[in-house]
Amino acid sequence: RPDVIVLDEPTTGLDYRGMQEMMELVRRLHESGHTILVITHDMRLV
């Protein structure tokens, strides 16, 4: 139950569907009140 979640390249090695599922999960965590920090090279994700 942390307040802040840091994710280092959470979509690396995932196909497009896997990336979407992971980032929608991260979006839901943010909407539920978590502070989110993501490191990425994927500008579509940004």
All heavy atoms as atom14 arrays in JSON, in Angstrom:
{
  "sequence": "RPDVIVLDEPTTGLDYRGMQEMMELVRRLHESGHTILVITHDMRLV",
  "atom14_mask": [
    [1, 1, 1, 1, 1, 1, 1, 1, 1, 1, 1, 0, 0, 0],
    [1, 1, 1, 1, 1, 1, 1, 0, 0, 0, 0, 0, 0, 0],
    [1, 1, 1, 1, 1, 1, 1, 1, 0, 0, 0, 0, 0, 0],
    [1, 1, 1, 1, 1, 1, 1, 0, 0, 0, 0, 0, 0, 0],
    [1, 1, 1, 1, 1, 1, 1, 1, 0, 0, 0, 0, 0, 0],
    [1, 1, 1, 1, 1, 1, 1, 0, 0, 0, 0, 0, 0, 0],
    [1, 1, 1, 1, 1, 1, 1, 1, 0, 0, 0, 0, 0, 0],
    [1, 1, 1, 1, 1, 1, 1, 1, 0, 0, 0, 0, 0, 0],
    [1, 1, 1, 1, 1, 1, 1, 1, 1, 0, 0, 0, 0, 0],
    [1, 1, 1, 1, 1, 1, 1, 0, 0, 0, 0, 0, 0, 0],
    [1, 1, 1, 1, 1, 1, 1, 0, 0, 0, 0, 0, 0, 0],
    [1, 1, 1, 1, 1, 1, 1, 0, 0, 0, 0, 0, 0, 0],
    [1, 1, 1, 1, 0, 0, 0, 0, 0, 0, 0, 0, 0, 0],
    [1, 1, 1, 1, 1, 1, 1, 1, 0, 0, 0, 0, 0, 0],
    [1, 1, 1, 1, 1, 1, 1, 1, 0, 0, 0, 0, 0, 0],
    [1, 1, 1, 1, 1, 1, 1, 1, 1, 1, 1, 1, 0, 0],
    [1, 1, 1, 1, 1, 1, 1, 1, 1, 1, 1, 0, 0, 0],
    [1, 1, 1, 1, 0, 0, 0, 0, 0, 0, 0, 0, 0, 0],
    [1, 1, 1, 1, 1, 1, 1, 1, 0, 0, 0, 0, 0, 0],
    [1, 1, 1, 1, 1, 1, 1, 1, 1, 0, 0, 0, 0, 0],
    [1, 1, 1, 1, 1, 1, 1, 1, 1, 0, 0, 0, 0, 0],
    [1, 1, 1, 1, 1, 1, 1, 1, 0, 0, 0, 0, 0, 0],
    [1, 1, 1, 1, 1, 1, 1, 1, 0, 0, 0, 0, 0, 0],
    [1, 1, 1, 1, 1, 1, 1, 1, 1, 0, 0, 0, 0, 0],
    [1, 1, 1, 1, 1, 1, 1, 1, 0, 0, 0, 0, 0, 0],
    [1, 1, 1, 1, 1, 1, 1, 0, 0, 0, 0, 0, 0, 0],
    [1, 1, 1, 1, 1, 1, 1, 1, 1, 1, 1, 0, 0, 0],
    [1, 1, 1, 1, 1, 1, 1, 1, 1, 1, 1, 0, 0, 0],
    [1, 1, 1, 1, 1, 1, 1, 1, 0, 0, 0, 0, 0, 0],
    [1, 1, 1, 1, 1, 1, 1, 1, 1, 1, 0, 0, 0, 0],
    [1, 1, 1, 1, 1, 1, 1, 1, 1, 0, 0, 0, 0, 0],
    [1, 1, 1, 1, 1, 1, 0, 0, 0, 0, 0, 0, 0, 0],
    [1, 1, 1, 1, 0, 0, 0, 0, 0, 0, 0, 0, 0, 0],
    [1, 1, 1, 1, 1, 1, 1, 1, 1, 1, 0, 0, 0, 0],
    [1, 1, 1, 1, 1, 1, 1, 0, 0, 0, 0, 0, 0, 0],
    [1, 1, 1, 1, 1, 1, 1, 1, 0, 0, 0, 0, 0, 0],
    [1, 1, 1, 1, 1, 1, 1, 1, 0, 0, 0, 0, 0, 0],
    [1, 1, 1, 1, 1, 1, 1, 0, 0, 0, 0, 0, 0, 0],
    [1, 1, 1, 1, 1, 1, 1, 1, 0, 0, 0, 0, 0, 0],
    [1, 1, 1, 1, 1, 1, 1, 0, 0, 0, 0, 0, 0, 0],
    [1, 1, 1, 1, 1, 1, 1, 1, 1, 1, 0, 0, 0, 0],
    [1, 1, 1, 1, 1, 1, 1, 1, 0, 0, 0, 0, 0, 0],
    [1, 1, 1, 1, 1, 1, 1, 1, 0, 0, 0, 0, 0, 0],
    [1, 1, 1, 1, 1, 1, 1, 1, 1, 1, 1, 0, 0, 0],
    [1, 1, 1, 1, 1, 1, 1, 1, 0, 0, 0, 0, 0, 0],
    [1, 1, 1, 1, 1, 1, 1, 0, 0, 0, 0, 0, 0, 0]
  ],
  "atom14_positions": [
    [[0.8, -1.22, 0.0], [0.0, 0.0, 0.0], [0.84, 1.27, 0.0], [0.67, 2.16, 0.85], [-0.96, -0.01, 1.19], [-2.01, -1.11, 1.1], [-2.93, -1.14, 2.28], [-4.04, -2.06, 2.06], [-4.96, -2.36, 2.99], [-4.89, -1.83, 4.19], [-5.94, -3.19, 2.7], [0.0, 0.0, 0.0], [0.0, 0.0, 0.0], [0.0, 0.0, 0.0]],
    [[1.74, 1.41, -0.96], [2.55, 2.62, -1.03], [1.75, 3.79, -1.59], [0.76, 3.6, -2.31], [3.67, 2.23, -1.99], [3.0, 1.28, -2.94], [2.03, 0.49, -2.08], [0.0, 0.0, 0.0], [0.0, 0.0, 0.0], [0.0, 0.0, 0.0], [0.0, 0.0, 0.0], [0.0, 0.0, 0.0], [0.0, 0.0, 0.0], [0.0, 0.0, 0.0]],
    [[2.17, 5.01, -1.28], [1.55, 6.2, -1.87], [2.09, 6.44, -3.28], [1.36, 6.87, -4.16], [1.85, 7.44, -1.01], [1.19, 7.36, 0.35], [0.11, 6.74, 0.45], [1.75, 7.91, 1.31], [0.0, 0.0, 0.0], [0.0, 0.0, 0.0], [0.0, 0.0, 0.0], [0.0, 0.0, 0.0], [0.0, 0.0, 0.0], [0.0, 0.0, 0.0]],
    [[3.39, 6.17, -3.47], [4.08, 6.47, -4.73], [4.56, 5.17, -5.35], [5.14, 4.33, -4.67], [5.28, 7.42, -4.51], [5.94, 7.77, -5.84], [4.85, 8.68, -3.75], [0.0, 0.0, 0.0], [0.0, 0.0, 0.0], [0.0, 0.0, 0.0], [0.0, 0.0, 0.0], [0.0, 0.0, 0.0], [0.0, 0.0, 0.0], [0.0, 0.0, 0.0]],
    [[4.35, 5.03, -6.66], [4.82, 3.85, -7.39], [5.74, 4.32, -8.5], [5.34, 5.13, -9.35], [3.66, 3.03, -7.97], [2.74, 2.55, -6.84], [4.19, 1.83, -8.76], [1.5, 1.82, -7.34], [0.0, 0.0, 0.0], [0.0, 0.0, 0.0], [0.0, 0.0, 0.0], [0.0, 0.0, 0.0], [0.0, 0.0, 0.0], [0.0, 0.0, 0.0]],
    [[6.98, 3.81, -8.5], [7.96, 4.12, -9.54], [8.11, 2.89, -10.43], [8.39, 1.8, -9.92], [9.33, 4.49, -8.93], [10.32, 4.85, -10.04], [9.18, 5.64, -7.94], [0.0, 0.0, 0.0], [0.0, 0.0, 0.0], [0.0, 0.0, 0.0], [0.0, 0.0, 0.0], [0.0, 0.0, 0.0], [0.0, 0.0, 0.0], [0.0, 0.0, 0.0]],
    [[7.92, 3.06, -11.73], [8.02, 1.94, -12.67], [9.1, 2.24, -13.69], [9.01, 3.22, -14.44], [6.68, 1.7, -13.37], [5.51, 1.37, -12.44], [4.54, 2.54, -12.4], [4.79, 0.11, -12.89], [0.0, 0.0, 0.0], [0.0, 0.0, 0.0], [0.0, 0.0, 0.0], [0.0, 0.0, 0.0], [0.0, 0.0, 0.0], [0.0, 0.0, 0.0]],
    [[10.11, 1.39, -13.73], [11.24, 1.57, -14.64], [10.98, 0.77, -15.92], [11.01, -0.46, -15.9], [12.53, 1.1, -13.95], [13.79, 1.47, -14.72], [13.67, 1.89, -15.89], [14.88, 1.33, -14.17], [0.0, 0.0, 0.0], [0.0, 0.0, 0.0], [0.0, 0.0, 0.0], [0.0, 0.0, 0.0], [0.0, 0.0, 0.0], [0.0, 0.0, 0.0]],
    [[10.71, 1.47, -17.01], [10.46, 0.84, -18.31], [9.45, -0.31, -18.2], [9.76, -1.47, -18.54], [11.78, 0.32, -18.91], [12.81, 1.41, -19.18], [12.54, 2.18, -20.48], [11.52, 1.91, -21.12], [13.36, 3.05, -20.8], [0.0, 0.0, 0.0], [0.0, 0.0, 0.0], [0.0, 0.0, 0.0], [0.0, 0.0, 0.0], [0.0, 0.0, 0.0]],
    [[8.24, -0.03, -17.74], [7.29, -1.12, -17.48], [6.8, -1.85, -18.72], [6.22, -2.93, -18.6], [6.12, -0.4, -16.79], [6.19, 1.0, -17.32], [7.66, 1.29, -17.44], [0.0, 0.0, 0.0], [0.0, 0.0, 0.0], [0.0, 0.0, 0.0], [0.0, 0.0, 0.0], [0.0, 0.0, 0.0], [0.0, 0.0, 0.0], [0.0, 0.0, 0.0]],
    [[7.0, -1.28, -19.93], [6.49, -1.94, -21.14], [7.57, -2.59, -21.97], [7.29, -3.13, -23.05], [5.73, -0.92, -22.01], [6.63, 0.13, -22.41], [4.56, -0.32, -21.26], [0.0, 0.0, 0.0], [0.0, 0.0, 0.0], [0.0, 0.0, 0.0], [0.0, 0.0, 0.0], [0.0, 0.0, 0.0], [0.0, 0.0, 0.0], [0.0, 0.0, 0.0]],
    [[8.82, -2.57, -21.5], [9.91, -3.18, -22.26], [9.66, -4.67, -22.46], [9.33, -5.4, -21.53], [11.25, -2.99, -21.53], [11.54, -1.6, -21.45], [12.38, -3.69, -22.27], [0.0, 0.0, 0.0], [0.0, 0.0, 0.0], [0.0, 0.0, 0.0], [0.0, 0.0, 0.0], [0.0, 0.0, 0.0], [0.0, 0.0, 0.0], [0.0, 0.0, 0.0]],
    [[9.79, -5.13, -23.7], [9.63, -6.54, -24.0], [8.2, -7.0, -24.18], [7.95, -8.18, -24.42], [0.0, 0.0, 0.0], [0.0, 0.0, 0.0], [0.0, 0.0, 0.0], [0.0, 0.0, 0.0], [0.0, 0.0, 0.0], [0.0, 0.0, 0.0], [0.0, 0.0, 0.0], [0.0, 0.0, 0.0], [0.0, 0.0, 0.0], [0.0, 0.0, 0.0]],
    [[7.23, -6.07, -24.09], [5.83, -6.43, -24.26], [5.37, -6.09, -25.68], [5.83, -5.11, -26.28], [4.95, -5.67, -23.26], [5.27, -5.85, -21.77], [4.28, -5.06, -20.93], [5.23, -7.32, -21.39], [0.0, 0.0, 0.0], [0.0, 0.0, 0.0], [0.0, 0.0, 0.0], [0.0, 0.0, 0.0], [0.0, 0.0, 0.0], [0.0, 0.0, 0.0]],
    [[4.44, -6.89, -26.21], [3.85, -6.53, -27.49], [2.84, -5.4, -27.27], [2.63, -4.95, -26.14], [3.19, -7.75, -28.16], [2.08, -8.37, -27.31], [1.58, -7.71, -26.37], [1.73, -9.54, -27.58], [0.0, 0.0, 0.0], [0.0, 0.0, 0.0], [0.0, 0.0, 0.0], [0.0, 0.0, 0.0], [0.0, 0.0, 0.0], [0.0, 0.0, 0.0]],
    [[2.22, -4.93, -28.35], [1.34, -3.76, -28.24], [0.2, -4.02, -27.26], [-0.11, -3.17, -26.42], [0.78, -3.38, -29.61], [-0.1, -2.16, -29.58], [0.45, -0.88, -29.46], [-1.49, -2.28, -29.64], [-0.35, 0.25, -29.4], [-2.3, -1.15, -29.58], [-1.72, 0.11, -29.47], [-2.53, 1.22, -29.41], [0.0, 0.0, 0.0], [0.0, 0.0, 0.0]],
    [[-0.41, -5.2, -27.34], [-1.52, -5.5, -26.44], [-1.04, -5.53, -24.99], [-1.7, -5.0, -24.1], [-2.14, -6.85, -26.81], [-3.29, -7.25, -25.92], [-3.92, -8.56, -26.36], [-4.98, -8.97, -25.47], [-5.7, -10.08, -25.63], [-5.46, -10.87, -26.67], [-6.65, -10.4, -24.77], [0.0, 0.0, 0.0], [0.0, 0.0, 0.0], [0.0, 0.0, 0.0]],
    [[0.12, -6.16, -24.76], [0.67, -6.2, -23.4], [0.99, -4.82, -22.87], [0.77, -4.53, -21.69], [0.0, 0.0, 0.0], [0.0, 0.0, 0.0], [0.0, 0.0, 0.0], [0.0, 0.0, 0.0], [0.0, 0.0, 0.0], [0.0, 0.0, 0.0], [0.0, 0.0, 0.0], [0.0, 0.0, 0.0], [0.0, 0.0, 0.0], [0.0, 0.0, 0.0]],
    [[1.53, -3.96, -23.74], [1.83, -2.59, -23.33], [0.56, -1.85, -22.94], [0.52, -1.16, -21.92], [2.51, -1.85, -24.47], [2.94, -0.44, -24.12], [3.29, 0.6, -25.57], [1.61, 1.0, -26.08], [0.0, 0.0, 0.0], [0.0, 0.0, 0.0], [0.0, 0.0, 0.0], [0.0, 0.0, 0.0], [0.0, 0.0, 0.0], [0.0, 0.0, 0.0]],
    [[-0.5, -2.02, -23.75], [-1.76, -1.35, -23.44], [-2.34, -1.83, -22.11], [-2.82, -1.03, -21.3], [-2.78, -1.61, -24.57], [-2.46, -0.9, -25.88], [-2.6, 0.6, -25.76], [-1.62, 1.33, -25.62], [-3.81, 1.09, -25.81], [0.0, 0.0, 0.0], [0.0, 0.0, 0.0], [0.0, 0.0, 0.0], [0.0, 0.0, 0.0], [0.0, 0.0, 0.0]],
    [[-2.27, -3.13, -21.88], [-2.8, -3.69, -20.63], [-2.01, -3.15, -19.43], [-2.61, -2.79, -18.41], [-2.73, -5.21, -20.66], [-3.72, -5.86, -21.61], [-3.6, -7.37, -21.63], [-2.64, -7.9, -21.02], [-4.46, -8.03, -22.25], [0.0, 0.0, 0.0], [0.0, 0.0, 0.0], [0.0, 0.0, 0.0], [0.0, 0.0, 0.0], [0.0, 0.0, 0.0]],
    [[-0.68, -3.11, -19.56], [0.13, -2.63, -18.46], [-0.16, -1.16, -18.17], [-0.34, -0.76, -17.01], [1.61, -2.84, -18.77], [2.57, -2.25, -17.73], [2.25, -2.82, -16.02], [2.48, -4.58, -16.21], [0.0, 0.0, 0.0], [0.0, 0.0, 0.0], [0.0, 0.0, 0.0], [0.0, 0.0, 0.0], [0.0, 0.0, 0.0], [0.0, 0.0, 0.0]],
    [[-0.21, -0.34, -19.22], [-0.4, 1.09, -19.0], [-1.82, 1.43, -18.55], [-2.03, 2.39, -17.81], [-0.02, 1.87, -20.25], [1.49, 1.87, -20.53], [2.52, 2.26, -19.07], [1.9, 3.89, -18.62], [0.0, 0.0, 0.0], [0.0, 0.0, 0.0], [0.0, 0.0, 0.0], [0.0, 0.0, 0.0], [0.0, 0.0, 0.0], [0.0, 0.0, 0.0]],
    [[-2.8, 0.64, -18.97], [-4.15, 0.86, -18.45], [-4.21, 0.5, -16.97], [-4.92, 1.15, -16.19], [-5.17, 0.04, -19.26], [-5.45, 0.63, -20.63], [-5.94, 2.07, -20.57], [-6.81, 2.38, -19.73], [-5.43, 2.91, -21.35], [0.0, 0.0, 0.0], [0.0, 0.0, 0.0], [0.0, 0.0, 0.0], [0.0, 0.0, 0.0], [0.0, 0.0, 0.0]],
    [[-3.45, -0.52, -16.57], [-3.33, -0.83, -15.14], [-2.71, 0.34, -14.4], [-3.21, 0.76, -13.34], [-2.48, -2.08, -14.96], [-2.0, -2.39, -13.52], [-3.18, -2.55, -12.59], [-1.1, -3.62, -13.51], [0.0, 0.0, 0.0], [0.0, 0.0, 0.0], [0.0, 0.0, 0.0], [0.0, 0.0, 0.0], [0.0, 0.0, 0.0], [0.0, 0.0, 0.0]],
    [[-1.64, 0.9, -14.94], [-0.99, 2.04, -14.29], [-1.94, 3.23, -14.23], [-2.01, 3.94, -13.22], [0.31, 2.42, -15.04], [0.93, 3.68, -14.44], [1.3, 1.27, -14.99], [0.0, 0.0, 0.0], [0.0, 0.0, 0.0], [0.0, 0.0, 0.0], [0.0, 0.0, 0.0], [0.0, 0.0, 0.0], [0.0, 0.0, 0.0], [0.0, 0.0, 0.0]],
    [[-2.72, 3.44, -15.29], [-3.7, 4.54, -15.28], [-4.72, 4.34, -14.15], [-5.08, 5.28, -13.44], [-4.42, 4.63, -16.62], [-5.25, 5.91, -16.78], [-6.37, 5.72, -17.8], [-5.91, 5.53, -19.15], [-5.65, 6.51, -20.02], [-5.78, 7.77, -19.65], [-5.25, 6.22, -21.25], [0.0, 0.0, 0.0], [0.0, 0.0, 0.0], [0.0, 0.0, 0.0]],
    [[-5.19, 3.1, -13.99], [-6.17, 2.82, -12.94], [-5.56, 3.06, -11.55], [-6.24, 3.59, -10.65], [-6.68, 1.38, -13.04], [-7.54, 1.11, -14.26], [-8.32, -0.2, -14.12], [-7.46, -1.35, -13.93], [-6.95, -2.07, -14.93], [-7.19, -1.73, -16.2], [-6.2, -3.15, -14.68], [0.0, 0.0, 0.0], [0.0, 0.0, 0.0], [0.0, 0.0, 0.0]],
    [[-4.3, 2.68, -11.39], [-3.63, 2.93, -10.1], [-3.55, 4.42, -9.82], [-3.75, 4.87, -8.69], [-2.23, 2.31, -10.11], [-2.16, 0.79, -10.21], [-0.71, 0.33, -10.31], [-2.85, 0.15, -9.02], [0.0, 0.0, 0.0], [0.0, 0.0, 0.0], [0.0, 0.0, 0.0], [0.0, 0.0, 0.0], [0.0, 0.0, 0.0], [0.0, 0.0, 0.0]],
    [[-3.26, 5.2, -10.86], [-3.21, 6.66, -10.68], [-4.59, 7.2, -10.31], [-4.72, 8.02, -9.39], [-2.71, 7.32, -11.96], [-2.68, 8.8, -11.9], [-3.48, 9.6, -12.68], [-1.96, 9.64, -11.12], [-3.25, 10.86, -12.4], [-2.33, 10.92, -11.45], [0.0, 0.0, 0.0], [0.0, 0.0, 0.0], [0.0, 0.0, 0.0], [0.0, 0.0, 0.0]],
    [[-5.6, 6.74, -11.01], [-6.96, 7.22, -10.74], [-7.43, 6.83, -9.35], [-8.29, 7.51, -8.76], [-7.91, 6.67, -11.8], [-7.68, 7.29, -13.18], [-8.52, 6.64, -14.27], [-9.1, 5.55, -14.0], [-8.57, 7.19, -15.38], [0.0, 0.0, 0.0], [0.0, 0.0, 0.0], [0.0, 0.0, 0.0], [0.0, 0.0, 0.0], [0.0, 0.0, 0.0]],
    [[-6.86, 5.75, -8.79], [-7.25, 5.32, -7.44], [-6.51, 6.1, -6.36], [-6.75, 5.88, -5.17], [-6.99, 3.82, -7.27], [-5.6, 3.54, -7.22], [0.0, 0.0, 0.0], [0.0, 0.0, 0.0], [0.0, 0.0, 0.0], [0.0, 0.0, 0.0], [0.0, 0.0, 0.0], [0.0, 0.0, 0.0], [0.0, 0.0, 0.0], [0.0, 0.0, 0.0]],
    [[-5.59, 7.0, -6.76], [-4.95, 7.87, -5.79], [-3.45, 7.76, -5.67], [-2.83, 8.53, -4.93], [0.0, 0.0, 0.0], [0.0, 0.0, 0.0], [0.0, 0.0, 0.0], [0.0, 0.0, 0.0], [0.0, 0.0, 0.0], [0.0, 0.0, 0.0], [0.0, 0.0, 0.0], [0.0, 0.0, 0.0], [0.0, 0.0, 0.0], [0.0, 0.0, 0.0]],
    [[-2.81, 6.83, -6.38], [-1.37, 6.69, -6.31], [-0.66, 7.78, -7.11], [-1.12, 8.17, -8.18], [-0.93, 5.32, -6.85], [-1.36, 4.16, -6.02], [-0.74, 3.81, -4.84], [-2.38, 3.28, -6.17], [-1.33, 2.76, -4.33], [-2.33, 2.42, -5.11], [0.0, 0.0, 0.0], [0.0, 0.0, 0.0], [0.0, 0.0, 0.0], [0.0, 0.0, 0.0]],
    [[0.46, 8.23, -6.6], [1.38, 9.07, -7.36], [2.22, 8.14, -8.22], [2.75, 7.15, -7.72], [2.28, 9.89, -6.43], [1.46, 10.68, -5.56], [3.22, 10.8, -7.22], [0.0, 0.0, 0.0], [0.0, 0.0, 0.0], [0.0, 0.0, 0.0], [0.0, 0.0, 0.0], [0.0, 0.0, 0.0], [0.0, 0.0, 0.0], [0.0, 0.0, 0.0]],
    [[2.35, 8.46, -9.51], [3.01, 7.57, -10.46], [4.22, 8.25, -11.09], [4.13, 9.38, -11.55], [2.06, 7.13, -11.59], [0.83, 6.41, -11.02], [2.79, 6.26, -12.6], [1.09, 5.07, -10.39], [0.0, 0.0, 0.0], [0.0, 0.0, 0.0], [0.0, 0.0, 0.0], [0.0, 0.0, 0.0], [0.0, 0.0, 0.0], [0.0, 0.0, 0.0]],
    [[5.36, 7.55, -11.09], [6.55, 7.96, -11.85], [6.92, 6.82, -12.78], [7.1, 5.68, -12.33], [7.74, 8.25, -10.93], [7.83, 9.63, -10.29], [6.85, 9.73, -9.12], [9.23, 9.89, -9.79], [0.0, 0.0, 0.0], [0.0, 0.0, 0.0], [0.0, 0.0, 0.0], [0.0, 0.0, 0.0], [0.0, 0.0, 0.0], [0.0, 0.0, 0.0]],
    [[7.02, 7.11, -14.06], [7.38, 6.1, -15.04], [8.63, 6.55, -15.79], [8.71, 7.71, -16.23], [6.24, 5.87, -16.06], [6.68, 4.91, -17.16], [4.99, 5.33, -15.36], [0.0, 0.0, 0.0], [0.0, 0.0, 0.0], [0.0, 0.0, 0.0], [0.0, 0.0, 0.0], [0.0, 0.0, 0.0], [0.0, 0.0, 0.0], [0.0, 0.0, 0.0]],
    [[9.59, 5.64, -15.93], [10.75, 5.88, -16.79], [10.49, 5.15, -18.1], [10.12, 3.98, -18.1], [12.04, 5.31, -16.15], [12.28, 5.92, -14.78], [13.24, 5.55, -17.07], [13.36, 5.21, -13.99], [0.0, 0.0, 0.0], [0.0, 0.0, 0.0], [0.0, 0.0, 0.0], [0.0, 0.0, 0.0], [0.0, 0.0, 0.0], [0.0, 0.0, 0.0]],
    [[10.68, 5.84, -19.22], [10.42, 5.18, -20.5], [11.19, 5.84, -21.64], [11.6, 7.0, -21.55], [8.92, 5.2, -20.84], [8.66, 4.36, -21.97], [8.43, 6.6, -21.15], [0.0, 0.0, 0.0], [0.0, 0.0, 0.0], [0.0, 0.0, 0.0], [0.0, 0.0, 0.0], [0.0, 0.0, 0.0], [0.0, 0.0, 0.0], [0.0, 0.0, 0.0]],
    [[11.36, 5.06, -22.72], [11.86, 5.58, -23.98], [10.73, 5.69, -25.01], [10.95, 6.16, -26.12], [12.94, 4.66, -24.57], [14.25, 4.74, -23.86], [14.58, 3.94, -22.79], [15.33, 5.55, -24.06], [15.8, 4.24, -22.37], [16.28, 5.21, -23.13], [0.0, 0.0, 0.0], [0.0, 0.0, 0.0], [0.0, 0.0, 0.0], [0.0, 0.0, 0.0]],
    [[9.54, 5.24, -24.64], [8.43, 5.16, -25.56], [7.63, 6.46, -25.56], [6.88, 6.75, -24.62], [7.52, 3.98, -25.17], [6.47, 3.67, -26.21], [6.09, 4.57, -26.99], [6.0, 2.52, -26.25], [0.0, 0.0, 0.0], [0.0, 0.0, 0.0], [0.0, 0.0, 0.0], [0.0, 0.0, 0.0], [0.0, 0.0, 0.0], [0.0, 0.0, 0.0]],
    [[7.78, 7.25, -26.62], [7.11, 8.55, -26.67], [5.6, 8.43, -26.88], [4.85, 9.33, -26.52], [7.72, 9.42, -27.78], [9.16, 9.81, -27.52], [9.39, 10.7, -25.94], [10.24, 9.44, -24.97], [0.0, 0.0, 0.0], [0.0, 0.0, 0.0], [0.0, 0.0, 0.0], [0.0, 0.0, 0.0], [0.0, 0.0, 0.0], [0.0, 0.0, 0.0]],
    [[5.14, 7.31, -27.44], [3.69, 7.1, -27.53], [3.1, 7.0, -26.12], [2.03, 7.54, -25.85], [3.39, 5.82, -28.3], [3.71, 5.88, -29.79], [3.42, 4.55, -30.44], [4.15, 3.46, -29.78], [3.92, 2.18, -29.99], [2.97, 1.79, -30.83], [4.63, 1.25, -29.37], [0.0, 0.0, 0.0], [0.0, 0.0, 0.0], [0.0, 0.0, 0.0]],
    [[3.81, 6.31, -25.26], [3.37, 6.19, -23.87], [3.33, 7.57, -23.21], [2.37, 7.91, -22.5], [4.33, 5.25, -23.12], [4.07, 4.9, -21.67], [4.76, 3.58, -21.34], [4.58, 5.97, -20.72], [0.0, 0.0, 0.0], [0.0, 0.0, 0.0], [0.0, 0.0, 0.0], [0.0, 0.0, 0.0], [0.0, 0.0, 0.0], [0.0, 0.0, 0.0]],
    [[4.35, 8.38, -23.45], [4.39, 9.73, -22.88], [3.17, 10.53, -23.35], [2.48, 11.17, -22.55], [5.68, 10.46, -23.3], [5.67, 11.91, -22.81], [6.9, 9.72, -22.77], [0.0, 0.0, 0.0], [0.0, 0.0, 0.0], [0.0, 0.0, 0.0], [0.0, 0.0, 0.0], [0.0, 0.0, 0.0], [0.0, 0.0, 0.0], [0.0, 0.0, 0.0]]
  ]
}
